[in-house]
Amino acid sequence: MSERYKKEQVCSASHSFVRIKHLLKKLSNDDLIHVMAIVLILAIFTPFCLVLLRMILSLFFSSANLGAFGDFIGGIVNPIFGFLSLIAILVTLILQNQELQATRKEITASARAQKEQVESWKKQLEMATNKEKRDTTFQVLQRWTSPHMRECRTNAWDHLHSNVKDFRIGKGKKIYLSYYSDEGATFSTRQENKIADGFLEVCQFISDLHKMTKSDVLDDKLMFVLFYNSLYPWFQITNKRRFEQGIRSDYDNNVEEWYRIWVMGFKSWWDENYDRLKVKVGDDAHDLPNS
């Protein structure tokens, strides 16, 4: 019976502890502080009250009787102080837990705010970058549509597009033309210089545009819309240029390498990215010729 009684007492104390803990959790921080204040006041003033009570009782009772009374009071007060200590520990733990939860919420809110701020900065940076790319693209368009470039394009296109089979450009910008028919045509040195100047100016523009595209400083979508119809047909002409074989200088080799990489290589870029850019453009792409 004694073992069973002890187990029942332990279970009862455990249930009481859990109920007290849940009750304290329902209290606000101010209420918990009030409980702590009451426990502290009782812990401080109870000993003084007991000493005062002993002094008063010593006037009416003998020392032997006071000893028994002290044992009686101690048997009552000690459990009370133990209970108050338990309450104080529970209140302290609950306050610490609430403080940790509040701190955790603040950290989570701060992290969320920082994440939102970073996303906002990314969007602002992306908008600024896109605006800079669009501005650069329009500046390139101004160069392509300038009066000087229009004249160069017209001079080269009119003579090289229709009847010319292939051509090469020699020293002094002298252009050597080969025609589909035997009729041919004769040009003055001034006309040949205009054809060569116009063609080389267009090639330089294509090379610069290719380099800017590789450097990702242009808006690909906008460039696709603005330049495709007016620029892509030029690759029909650039394909006609031929280079002399045999013994050549380093300058001739460098020119040919530049031409194949940056002029003719741009056509490959258009062909590779046509489907991707057409999807980005959407409805604007139906007017564009298929490559």
Protein backbone atom coordinates (compact mmCIF):
# COMPACT_ATOMS: atom_id res chain seq x y z
CA MET A 1 0.00 0.00 0.00
CA SER A 2 2.83 2.41 0.77
CA GLU A 3 4.38 2.05 -2.74
CA ARG A 4 1.00 2.54 -4.35
CA TYR A 5 0.34 5.55 -2.17
CA LYS A 6 3.69 7.07 -3.13
CA LYS A 7 2.97 6.55 -6.83
CA GLU A 8 -0.44 8.18 -6.46
CA GLN A 9 1.15 11.11 -4.66
CA VAL A 10 3.77 11.51 -7.41
CA CYS A 11 1.11 11.36 -10.14
CA SER A 12 -1.06 13.86 -8.27
CA ALA A 13 1.89 16.23 -7.84
CA SER A 14 2.79 15.86 -11.51
CA HIS A 15 -0.77 16.65 -12.63
CA SER A 16 -0.86 19.61 -10.27
CA PHE A 17 2.42 20.86 -11.72
CA VAL A 18 1.07 20.61 -15.28
CA ARG A 19 -2.17 22.40 -14.33
CA ILE A 20 -0.25 25.20 -12.64
CA LYS A 21 2.03 25.51 -15.68
CA HIS A 22 -0.94 25.80 -18.09
CA LEU A 23 -2.61 28.29 -15.78
CA LEU A 24 0.48 30.47 -15.67
CA LYS A 25 0.84 30.34 -19.47
CA LYS A 26 -2.61 31.86 -19.81
CA LEU A 27 -1.56 34.88 -17.78
CA SER A 28 -0.18 37.99 -19.45
CA ASN A 29 3.30 39.27 -18.82
CA ASP A 30 2.01 41.89 -16.38
CA ASP A 31 0.12 39.24 -14.40
CA LEU A 32 3.22 37.03 -14.26
CA ILE A 33 5.26 39.97 -13.00
CA HIS A 34 2.64 40.55 -10.30
CA VAL A 35 2.87 36.89 -9.26
CA MET A 36 6.66 37.17 -9.05
CA ALA A 37 6.31 40.32 -6.93
CA ILE A 38 3.92 38.59 -4.51
CA VAL A 39 6.27 35.59 -4.19
CA LEU A 40 9.20 37.92 -3.52
CA ILE A 41 7.27 39.90 -0.90
CA LEU A 42 6.22 36.71 0.88
CA ALA A 43 9.78 35.38 0.77
CA ILE A 44 11.13 38.57 2.34
CA PHE A 45 8.51 39.39 4.98
CA THR A 46 7.53 35.90 6.14
CA PRO A 47 10.75 35.34 8.15
CA PHE A 48 10.30 38.71 9.89
CA CYS A 49 6.70 37.87 10.70
CA LEU A 50 7.74 34.52 12.16
CA VAL A 51 10.46 36.11 14.29
CA LEU A 52 7.97 38.69 15.52
CA LEU A 53 5.44 35.94 16.27
CA ARG A 54 8.06 34.00 18.24
CA MET A 55 8.93 37.07 20.32
CA ILE A 56 5.27 37.62 21.14
CA LEU A 57 4.64 33.97 22.05
CA SER A 58 7.77 33.82 24.22
CA LEU A 59 6.01 36.17 26.63
CA PHE A 60 3.26 33.63 27.25
CA PHE A 61 4.85 30.20 26.71
CA SER A 62 7.91 28.42 27.98
CA SER A 63 10.91 27.59 25.78
CA ALA A 64 9.99 23.90 25.54
CA ASN A 65 6.53 24.72 24.27
CA LEU A 66 7.95 27.24 21.83
CA GLY A 67 10.25 24.56 20.38
CA ALA A 68 7.30 22.32 19.59
CA PHE A 69 5.43 25.28 18.17
CA GLY A 70 8.44 26.14 16.01
CA ASP A 71 8.55 22.64 14.64
CA PHE A 72 4.87 22.92 13.84
CA ILE A 73 5.30 26.24 12.08
CA GLY A 74 8.34 24.91 10.18
CA GLY A 75 6.38 21.91 8.97
CA ILE A 76 3.75 24.27 7.57
CA VAL A 77 5.97 27.06 6.23
CA ASN A 78 8.60 24.91 4.51
CA PRO A 79 6.16 23.32 2.03
CA ILE A 80 4.69 26.75 1.40
CA PHE A 81 8.12 28.17 0.60
CA GLY A 82 8.88 25.17 -1.60
CA PHE A 83 5.63 25.73 -3.48
CA LEU A 84 6.38 29.44 -3.85
CA SER A 85 9.87 28.60 -5.14
CA LEU A 86 8.32 26.25 -7.68
CA ILE A 87 5.92 28.98 -8.78
CA ALA A 88 8.81 31.43 -9.13
CA ILE A 89 10.78 28.98 -11.28
CA LEU A 90 7.76 28.32 -13.50
CA VAL A 91 7.08 32.03 -13.92
CA THR A 92 10.74 32.63 -14.84
CA LEU A 93 10.72 29.85 -17.41
CA ILE A 94 7.45 31.06 -18.94
CA LEU A 95 8.71 34.65 -19.16
CA GLN A 96 11.92 33.47 -20.83
CA ASN A 97 9.94 31.32 -23.26
CA GLN A 98 7.65 34.21 -24.17
CA GLU A 99 10.63 36.49 -24.63
CA LEU A 100 12.30 33.93 -26.90
CA GLN A 101 9.11 33.57 -28.95
CA ALA A 102 8.82 37.34 -29.29
CA THR A 103 12.49 37.55 -30.32
CA ARG A 104 11.99 34.75 -32.84
CA LYS A 105 8.99 36.57 -34.34
CA GLU A 106 10.97 39.81 -34.58
CA ILE A 107 13.86 38.03 -36.28
CA THR A 108 11.48 36.34 -38.73
CA ALA A 109 9.76 39.65 -39.48
CA SER A 110 13.13 41.37 -39.90
CA ALA A 111 14.37 38.63 -42.25
CA ARG A 112 11.15 38.88 -44.28
CA ALA A 113 11.49 42.67 -44.49
CA GLN A 114 15.13 42.37 -45.58
CA LYS A 115 14.18 39.81 -48.22
CA GLU A 116 11.44 42.09 -49.55
CA GLN A 117 13.89 44.99 -49.59
CA VAL A 118 16.46 42.93 -51.51
CA GLU A 119 13.77 41.91 -54.02
CA SER A 120 12.78 45.57 -54.39
CA TRP A 121 16.42 46.54 -55.00
CA LYS A 122 16.76 43.76 -57.57
CA LYS A 123 13.66 45.00 -59.41
CA GLN A 124 14.92 48.58 -59.36
CA LEU A 125 18.33 47.46 -60.62
CA GLU A 126 16.71 45.35 -63.34
CA MET A 127 14.52 48.29 -64.41
CA ALA A 128 17.52 50.62 -64.50
CA THR A 129 19.55 48.06 -66.48
CA ASN A 130 16.71 47.49 -68.95
CA LYS A 131 16.27 51.25 -69.41
CA GLU A 132 19.98 51.64 -70.08
CA LYS A 133 19.86 48.79 -72.61
CA ARG A 134 16.86 50.35 -74.37
CA ASP A 135 18.56 53.75 -74.50
CA THR A 136 21.71 52.19 -75.96
CA THR A 137 19.64 50.29 -78.53
CA PHE A 138 17.93 53.50 -79.68
CA GLN A 139 21.33 55.22 -79.93
CA VAL A 140 22.51 52.40 -82.21
CA LEU A 141 19.30 52.78 -84.24
CA GLN A 142 20.04 56.50 -84.69
CA ARG A 143 23.43 55.57 -86.10
CA TRP A 144 21.84 53.04 -88.48
CA THR A 145 19.26 55.55 -89.73
CA SER A 146 21.57 58.58 -89.89
CA PRO A 147 21.85 60.39 -93.27
CA HIS A 148 25.46 59.27 -93.71
CA MET A 149 24.61 55.62 -93.05
CA ARG A 150 21.56 55.80 -95.33
CA GLU A 151 23.76 57.07 -98.16
CA CYS A 152 26.33 54.31 -97.54
CA ARG A 153 23.66 51.64 -97.45
CA THR A 154 22.03 52.92 -100.63
CA ASN A 155 25.29 53.10 -102.60
CA ALA A 156 26.32 49.58 -101.63
CA TRP A 157 22.89 47.95 -101.86
CA ASP A 158 21.95 49.32 -105.25
CA HIS A 159 25.10 47.95 -106.92
CA LEU A 160 25.68 44.71 -104.98
CA HIS A 161 22.23 43.27 -104.38
CA SER A 162 20.80 42.38 -107.79
CA ASN A 163 23.32 41.41 -110.45
CA VAL A 164 26.57 40.88 -108.60
CA LYS A 165 27.62 37.25 -108.18
CA ASP A 166 30.60 37.97 -105.89
CA PHE A 167 33.16 40.67 -105.33
CA ARG A 168 36.37 41.48 -103.58
CA ILE A 169 37.86 44.72 -102.34
CA GLY A 170 41.47 45.41 -103.16
CA LYS A 171 43.92 48.04 -102.06
CA GLY A 172 42.75 51.60 -102.30
CA LYS A 173 39.16 50.32 -101.85
CA LYS A 174 39.08 49.25 -105.48
CA ILE A 175 36.17 46.84 -105.84
CA TYR A 176 36.26 43.91 -108.28
CA LEU A 177 32.79 42.72 -109.29
CA SER A 178 31.67 39.43 -110.82
CA TYR A 179 28.17 39.30 -112.42
CA TYR A 180 25.69 36.55 -113.01
CA SER A 181 25.54 37.50 -116.72
CA ASP A 182 28.33 38.38 -119.11
CA GLU A 183 26.95 41.84 -119.73
CA GLY A 184 28.71 43.28 -116.72
CA ALA A 185 28.97 46.97 -116.07
CA THR A 186 31.65 49.54 -115.90
CA PHE A 187 32.06 51.94 -113.02
CA SER A 188 34.20 54.96 -112.58
CA THR A 189 36.73 55.05 -109.77
CA ARG A 190 34.43 57.40 -107.88
CA GLN A 191 31.52 54.97 -108.11
CA GLU A 192 33.69 52.08 -106.99
CA ASN A 193 34.86 54.05 -103.99
CA LYS A 194 31.26 54.76 -103.01
CA ILE A 195 30.35 51.10 -103.29
CA ALA A 196 33.38 50.03 -101.24
CA ASP A 197 32.89 52.80 -98.66
CA GLY A 198 29.21 51.96 -98.24
CA PHE A 199 29.81 48.25 -97.92
CA LEU A 200 32.67 48.63 -95.43
CA GLU A 201 30.61 51.08 -93.34
CA VAL A 202 27.76 48.55 -93.14
CA CYS A 203 30.22 45.79 -92.22
CA GLN A 204 31.68 47.94 -89.46
CA PHE A 205 28.18 48.61 -88.11
CA ILE A 206 27.32 44.89 -88.16
CA SER A 207 30.59 44.11 -86.36
CA ASP A 208 29.93 46.73 -83.67
CA LEU A 209 26.35 45.53 -83.21
CA HIS A 210 27.56 41.94 -82.86
CA LYS A 211 30.11 42.93 -80.20
CA MET A 212 27.51 44.92 -78.27
CA THR A 213 25.15 41.95 -78.41
CA LYS A 214 27.86 39.66 -77.07
CA SER A 215 28.52 42.16 -74.26
CA ASP A 216 24.80 42.17 -73.32
CA VAL A 217 24.46 45.96 -73.47
CA LEU A 218 21.48 45.94 -75.86
CA ASP A 219 17.84 45.01 -75.43
CA ASP A 220 17.63 41.85 -77.56
CA LYS A 221 13.87 42.04 -77.97
CA LEU A 222 13.92 45.68 -79.03
CA MET A 223 16.88 45.14 -81.35
CA PHE A 224 15.11 42.20 -82.95
CA VAL A 225 12.05 44.35 -83.72
CA LEU A 226 13.98 47.42 -84.90
CA PHE A 227 16.74 45.83 -86.99
CA TYR A 228 15.56 42.52 -88.35
CA ASN A 229 13.83 43.71 -91.53
CA SER A 230 16.49 46.27 -92.37
CA LEU A 231 19.63 44.43 -91.28
CA TYR A 232 19.18 40.71 -91.93
CA PRO A 233 18.88 41.07 -95.76
CA TRP A 234 22.41 42.49 -95.77
CA PHE A 235 23.77 39.03 -95.07
CA GLN A 236 22.77 38.14 -98.64
CA ILE A 237 25.38 40.65 -99.74
CA THR A 238 28.05 39.93 -97.12
CA ASN A 239 27.94 36.30 -98.26
CA LYS A 240 29.11 37.43 -101.72
CA ARG A 241 32.42 38.85 -100.57
CA ARG A 242 35.43 36.68 -101.31
CA PHE A 243 39.04 36.89 -100.20
CA GLU A 244 42.11 36.21 -102.30
CA GLN A 245 43.94 33.00 -101.51
CA GLY A 246 47.66 32.40 -101.68
CA ILE A 247 50.39 34.56 -100.21
CA ARG A 248 48.89 37.33 -98.15
CA SER A 249 50.04 39.76 -95.50
CA ASP A 250 49.16 39.53 -91.81
CA TYR A 251 46.84 42.49 -92.30
CA ASP A 252 44.87 40.59 -94.96
CA ASN A 253 44.57 37.59 -92.64
CA ASN A 254 43.39 39.77 -89.76
CA VAL A 255 40.80 41.45 -91.95
CA GLU A 256 39.42 38.12 -93.13
CA GLU A 257 39.32 36.76 -89.57
CA TRP A 258 37.51 39.89 -88.36
CA TYR A 259 35.04 39.63 -91.22
CA ARG A 260 34.20 35.97 -90.65
CA ILE A 261 33.86 36.28 -86.85
CA TRP A 262 32.15 39.62 -86.35
CA VAL A 263 30.36 40.26 -89.65
CA MET A 264 29.35 36.84 -90.92
CA GLY A 265 29.21 35.47 -87.38
CA PHE A 266 26.33 37.82 -86.58
CA LYS A 267 24.12 36.01 -89.08
CA SER A 268 24.69 32.81 -87.11
CA TRP A 269 23.61 34.64 -83.95
CA TRP A 270 20.37 35.77 -85.65
CA ASP A 271 19.64 32.25 -86.87
CA GLU A 272 20.35 30.67 -83.48
CA ASN A 273 18.22 33.15 -81.51
CA TYR A 274 15.39 33.68 -83.98
CA ASP A 275 12.88 31.35 -82.28
CA ARG A 276 13.72 32.64 -78.79
CA LEU A 277 13.41 36.29 -79.74
CA LYS A 278 10.27 35.66 -81.78
CA VAL A 279 8.62 34.15 -78.67
CA LYS A 280 9.65 37.18 -76.58
CA VAL A 281 8.29 39.58 -79.16
CA GLY A 282 5.00 37.70 -79.53
CA ASP A 283 2.49 39.34 -81.86
CA ASP A 284 5.12 41.75 -83.19
CA ALA A 285 6.92 38.89 -84.91
CA HIS A 286 4.29 38.10 -87.55
CA ASP A 287 5.60 40.91 -89.80
CA LEU A 288 9.17 39.62 -89.68
CA PRO A 289 10.60 37.46 -92.47
CA ASN A 290 11.56 33.94 -91.57
CA SER A 291 15.29 33.32 -91.56
